[in-house]
Amino acid sequence: MVKQTRQRLSAEFKREAVRLLEQGDKDAAQLARELGVRRDQLYK
């Protein structure tokens, strides 16, 4: 069994992700792929 570690995202990364999501230029799925995170993480 492989132990997975939690991905830690900086506060700056989170603020930028929210800003990009609110801009509305890209849908959440596309933005998540580009940022390397799961789509549902953008809403946390």
N, C-alpha and C. Protein backbone atom coordinates (compact mmCIF):
# COMPACT_ATOMS: atom_id res chain seq x y z
N MET A 1 0.84 -1.18 0.00
CA MET A 1 0.00 0.00 0.00
C MET A 1 0.89 1.25 0.00
N VAL A 2 0.57 2.19 -0.85
CA VAL A 2 1.36 3.40 -0.99
C VAL A 2 0.75 4.50 -0.14
N LYS A 3 1.57 5.11 0.69
CA LYS A 3 1.09 6.21 1.52
C LYS A 3 1.13 7.50 0.71
N GLN A 4 0.00 8.20 0.67
CA GLN A 4 -0.06 9.46 -0.07
C GLN A 4 0.09 10.61 0.91
N THR A 5 0.84 11.62 0.49
CA THR A 5 0.99 12.80 1.33
C THR A 5 0.07 13.90 0.80
N ARG A 6 -0.41 14.70 1.71
CA ARG A 6 -1.28 15.80 1.31
C ARG A 6 -0.48 16.87 0.59
N GLN A 7 -1.08 17.41 -0.45
CA GLN A 7 -0.44 18.49 -1.18
C GLN A 7 -0.69 19.79 -0.41
N ARG A 8 0.37 20.49 -0.08
CA ARG A 8 0.24 21.75 0.65
C ARG A 8 0.36 22.90 -0.35
N LEU A 9 -0.65 23.74 -0.34
CA LEU A 9 -0.68 24.87 -1.26
C LEU A 9 -0.49 26.15 -0.46
N SER A 10 0.33 27.04 -0.96
CA SER A 10 0.59 28.29 -0.26
C SER A 10 -0.63 29.20 -0.32
N ALA A 11 -0.70 30.12 0.61
CA ALA A 11 -1.80 31.09 0.65
C ALA A 11 -1.80 31.92 -0.64
N GLU A 12 -0.62 32.25 -1.13
CA GLU A 12 -0.51 33.02 -2.37
C GLU A 12 -1.08 32.23 -3.55
N PHE A 13 -0.77 30.95 -3.62
CA PHE A 13 -1.30 30.10 -4.69
C PHE A 13 -2.82 30.07 -4.63
N LYS A 14 -3.37 29.93 -3.43
CA LYS A 14 -4.82 29.86 -3.26
C LYS A 14 -5.48 31.17 -3.68
N ARG A 15 -4.90 32.29 -3.28
CA ARG A 15 -5.47 33.60 -3.66
C ARG A 15 -5.47 33.76 -5.17
N GLU A 16 -4.37 33.38 -5.81
CA GLU A 16 -4.27 33.51 -7.26
C GLU A 16 -5.26 32.58 -7.96
N ALA A 17 -5.44 31.36 -7.44
CA ALA A 17 -6.39 30.43 -8.04
C ALA A 17 -7.81 30.98 -7.96
N VAL A 18 -8.16 31.56 -6.82
CA VAL A 18 -9.49 32.15 -6.65
C VAL A 18 -9.67 33.32 -7.61
N ARG A 19 -8.63 34.15 -7.72
CA ARG A 19 -8.71 35.30 -8.63
C ARG A 19 -8.94 34.84 -10.07
N LEU A 20 -8.19 33.83 -10.49
CA LEU A 20 -8.34 33.31 -11.85
C LEU A 20 -9.72 32.71 -12.07
N LEU A 21 -10.23 32.01 -11.07
CA LEU A 21 -11.56 31.40 -11.18
C LEU A 21 -12.63 32.48 -11.28
N GLU A 22 -12.50 33.53 -10.48
CA GLU A 22 -13.50 34.60 -10.49
C GLU A 22 -13.45 35.42 -11.76
N GLN A 23 -12.30 35.46 -12.43
CA GLN A 23 -12.18 36.18 -13.70
C GLN A 23 -13.14 35.61 -14.73
N GLY A 24 -13.35 34.30 -14.67
CA GLY A 24 -14.30 33.66 -15.56
C GLY A 24 -13.82 33.41 -16.98
N ASP A 25 -12.54 33.59 -17.23
CA ASP A 25 -12.02 33.36 -18.58
C ASP A 25 -12.01 31.87 -18.94
N LYS A 26 -11.86 31.02 -17.91
CA LYS A 26 -11.80 29.57 -18.12
C LYS A 26 -12.73 28.89 -17.14
N ASP A 27 -13.24 27.73 -17.54
CA ASP A 27 -14.10 27.00 -16.60
C ASP A 27 -13.22 26.33 -15.55
N ALA A 28 -13.85 25.92 -14.46
CA ALA A 28 -13.12 25.38 -13.31
C ALA A 28 -12.30 24.15 -13.67
N ALA A 29 -12.83 23.28 -14.50
CA ALA A 29 -12.11 22.06 -14.86
C ALA A 29 -10.82 22.39 -15.61
N GLN A 30 -10.90 23.30 -16.56
CA GLN A 30 -9.71 23.69 -17.33
C GLN A 30 -8.68 24.36 -16.43
N LEU A 31 -9.13 25.25 -15.58
CA LEU A 31 -8.22 25.94 -14.67
C LEU A 31 -7.54 24.96 -13.72
N ALA A 32 -8.30 24.01 -13.20
CA ALA A 32 -7.74 23.01 -12.29
C ALA A 32 -6.65 22.18 -12.99
N ARG A 33 -6.91 21.79 -14.23
CA ARG A 33 -5.90 21.02 -14.98
C ARG A 33 -4.62 21.84 -15.13
N GLU A 34 -4.76 23.10 -15.47
CA GLU A 34 -3.59 23.95 -15.68
C GLU A 34 -2.81 24.18 -14.39
N LEU A 35 -3.52 24.24 -13.26
CA LEU A 35 -2.87 24.48 -11.98
C LEU A 35 -2.37 23.19 -11.32
N GLY A 36 -2.80 22.05 -11.84
CA GLY A 36 -2.36 20.78 -11.30
C GLY A 36 -3.06 20.38 -10.02
N VAL A 37 -4.31 20.81 -9.87
CA VAL A 37 -5.11 20.45 -8.70
C VAL A 37 -6.43 19.85 -9.17
N ARG A 38 -7.16 19.21 -8.24
CA ARG A 38 -8.49 18.69 -8.60
C ARG A 38 -9.48 19.85 -8.64
N ARG A 39 -10.49 19.70 -9.47
CA ARG A 39 -11.50 20.76 -9.63
C ARG A 39 -12.15 21.13 -8.31
N ASP A 40 -12.48 20.12 -7.49
CA ASP A 40 -13.17 20.42 -6.23
C ASP A 40 -12.30 21.19 -5.25
N GLN A 41 -10.97 21.17 -5.43
CA GLN A 41 -10.10 21.94 -4.56
C GLN A 41 -10.23 23.44 -4.80
N LEU A 42 -10.71 23.83 -5.95
CA LEU A 42 -10.87 25.25 -6.24
C LEU A 42 -12.01 25.88 -5.44
N TYR A 43 -12.88 25.05 -4.91
CA TYR A 43 -14.05 25.55 -4.18
C TYR A 43 -13.87 25.49 -2.67
N LYS A 44 -12.72 25.06 -2.20
CA LYS A 44 -12.50 24.95 -0.75
C LYS A 44 -11.92 26.23 -0.21
